[in-house]
């Protein structure tokens, strides 16, 4: 997995994210957390269930391993959500979380909303991607 991830890179633009090779990254709306999502399938498939690994870090780059994380999303241009209900199924430690149940049913502009909650802070990271 680590070898496959070495070829990916993110384009980060404030609270919105870029996408390249299945990797998306963004900074929270309040600036508390950065989330980087790695699709376990590349390119990101249409109409196929897959998983992501989220890397959650503080704004200073420290891994956040004790967070409660919720994942939601949709297509704002089409006014609908994801066709599935992705959820974190495992804390992989060192700020990494396994998200299962992701499926995009059509091409277009998608927003993935990642809510990160710790004992001290709450933030929402919006990851924008074009499929």
Protein backbone atom coordinates (compact mmCIF):
# COMPACT_ATOMS: atom_id res chain seq x y z
CA UNK A 1 0.00 0.00 0.00
CA UNK A 2 2.77 2.44 0.94
CA UNK A 3 4.46 1.93 -2.43
CA UNK A 4 1.23 2.67 -4.29
CA UNK A 5 0.67 5.84 -2.27
CA UNK A 6 4.10 7.22 -3.12
CA UNK A 7 2.93 8.04 -6.64
CA UNK A 8 -0.02 10.14 -5.48
CA UNK A 9 0.00 13.78 -4.50
CA UNK A 10 -2.54 16.35 -3.33
CA UNK A 11 -3.37 19.84 -4.51
CA UNK A 12 -4.48 21.77 -1.44
CA UNK A 13 -6.37 25.06 -1.71
CA UNK A 14 -7.50 26.21 1.74
CA UNK A 15 -10.70 24.48 2.79
CA UNK A 16 -11.20 22.86 -0.59
CA UNK A 17 -9.19 20.03 -2.02
CA UNK A 18 -7.70 18.81 -5.24
CA UNK A 19 -7.65 15.30 -6.62
CA UNK A 20 -4.99 13.33 -8.43
CA UNK A 21 -4.55 9.60 -8.70
CA UNK A 22 -7.15 8.87 -6.05
CA UNK A 23 -5.81 11.16 -3.33
CA UNK A 24 -7.76 14.13 -1.96
CA UNK A 25 -6.72 16.53 0.79
CA UNK A 26 -8.24 19.52 2.54
CA UNK A 27 -8.02 21.81 5.56
CA UNK A 28 -10.99 22.13 7.92
CA UNK A 29 -13.29 25.14 7.72
CA UNK A 30 -12.06 26.24 11.17
CA UNK A 31 -8.46 25.37 10.35
CA UNK A 32 -8.07 22.80 13.16
CA UNK A 33 -7.52 19.64 11.10
CA UNK A 34 -6.19 18.48 7.75
CA UNK A 35 -7.63 15.32 6.20
CA UNK A 36 -6.03 13.38 3.37
CA UNK A 37 -8.06 10.59 1.77
CA UNK A 38 -6.46 7.73 -0.11
CA UNK A 39 -8.77 5.64 -2.28
CA UNK A 40 -7.89 1.97 -2.14
CA UNK A 41 -8.81 1.75 -5.84
CA UNK A 42 -7.37 4.01 -8.52
CA UNK A 43 -8.65 5.56 -10.51
CA UNK A 44 -11.63 6.17 -8.26
CA UNK A 45 -14.30 3.90 -9.75
CA UNK A 46 -17.91 4.63 -10.68
CA UNK A 47 -20.57 2.23 -9.35
CA UNK A 48 -18.12 0.13 -7.37
CA UNK A 49 -17.96 -0.11 -3.58
CA UNK A 50 -14.52 0.73 -2.26
CA UNK A 51 -12.71 1.98 0.83
CA UNK A 52 -10.61 4.98 1.71
CA UNK A 53 -7.95 5.50 4.32
CA UNK A 54 -8.22 8.92 5.95
CA UNK A 55 -5.09 10.51 7.41
CA UNK A 56 -6.17 13.06 10.04
CA UNK A 57 -3.66 15.61 11.32
CA UNK A 58 -3.69 18.79 13.34
CA UNK A 59 -3.02 22.00 11.44
CA UNK A 60 0.56 21.65 12.73
CA UNK A 61 0.87 18.19 11.14
CA UNK A 62 0.52 16.03 14.27
CA UNK A 63 -1.49 12.79 13.77
CA UNK A 64 -4.92 12.75 15.46
CA UNK A 65 -5.60 9.20 16.63
CA UNK A 66 -8.42 9.73 19.12
CA UNK A 67 -11.06 11.40 16.93
CA UNK A 68 -14.67 10.56 16.24
CA UNK A 69 -15.12 10.83 12.48
CA UNK A 70 -18.25 11.02 10.34
CA UNK A 71 -18.24 10.91 6.54
CA UNK A 72 -21.02 12.23 4.32
CA UNK A 73 -21.20 13.73 0.88
CA UNK A 74 -23.02 14.34 -2.34
CA UNK A 75 -23.25 16.28 -5.56
CA UNK A 76 -24.23 19.89 -4.85
CA UNK A 77 -24.91 20.57 -8.55
CA UNK A 78 -27.46 17.74 -8.60
CA UNK A 79 -28.81 18.31 -5.08
CA UNK A 80 -28.37 14.71 -3.91
CA UNK A 81 -26.18 12.83 -1.46
CA UNK A 82 -24.06 9.74 -1.72
CA UNK A 83 -25.90 6.54 -2.69
CA UNK A 84 -24.29 4.81 0.31
CA UNK A 85 -23.55 5.62 3.96
CA UNK A 86 -19.76 5.38 4.33
CA UNK A 87 -18.44 5.02 7.86
CA UNK A 88 -15.20 4.62 9.74
CA UNK A 89 -14.86 0.93 10.57
CA UNK A 90 -11.40 0.88 12.09
CA UNK A 91 -8.90 3.18 13.75
CA UNK A 92 -5.58 2.19 12.14
CA UNK A 93 -3.59 4.34 14.64
CA UNK A 94 -1.14 7.15 13.90
CA UNK A 95 -4.03 9.32 12.67
CA UNK A 96 -5.23 6.83 10.04
CA UNK A 97 -8.84 5.61 9.80
CA UNK A 98 -10.43 3.05 7.47
CA UNK A 99 -13.64 4.24 5.79
CA UNK A 100 -15.75 1.57 4.12
CA UNK A 101 -18.87 1.80 1.99
CA UNK A 102 -17.95 4.51 -0.51
CA UNK A 103 -19.58 4.39 -3.93
CA UNK A 104 -19.99 7.11 -6.52
CA UNK A 105 -22.79 6.31 -8.96
CA UNK A 106 -22.01 8.91 -11.62
CA UNK A 107 -19.32 11.19 -12.97
CA UNK A 108 -19.28 14.83 -11.96
CA UNK A 109 -18.39 17.15 -9.08
CA UNK A 110 -18.60 15.52 -5.63
CA UNK A 111 -18.14 16.90 -2.12
CA UNK A 112 -17.11 14.60 0.71
CA UNK A 113 -17.67 16.10 4.15
CA UNK A 114 -15.46 14.71 6.92
CA UNK A 115 -16.44 15.81 10.44
CA UNK A 116 -13.60 15.40 12.94
CA UNK A 117 -14.35 15.65 16.66
CA UNK A 118 -11.84 15.41 19.49
CA UNK A 119 -12.24 16.24 23.19
CA UNK A 120 -10.95 19.76 22.46
CA UNK A 121 -12.09 20.65 18.93
CA UNK A 122 -14.58 20.03 16.14
CA UNK A 123 -14.06 20.81 12.48
CA UNK A 124 -15.48 19.91 9.07
CA UNK A 125 -13.18 19.22 6.14
CA UNK A 126 -14.78 19.37 2.69
CA UNK A 127 -13.00 17.32 0.04
CA UNK A 128 -13.94 18.29 -3.51
CA UNK A 129 -13.32 15.90 -6.33
CA UNK A 130 -14.20 15.65 -9.98
CA UNK A 131 -14.92 12.19 -11.33
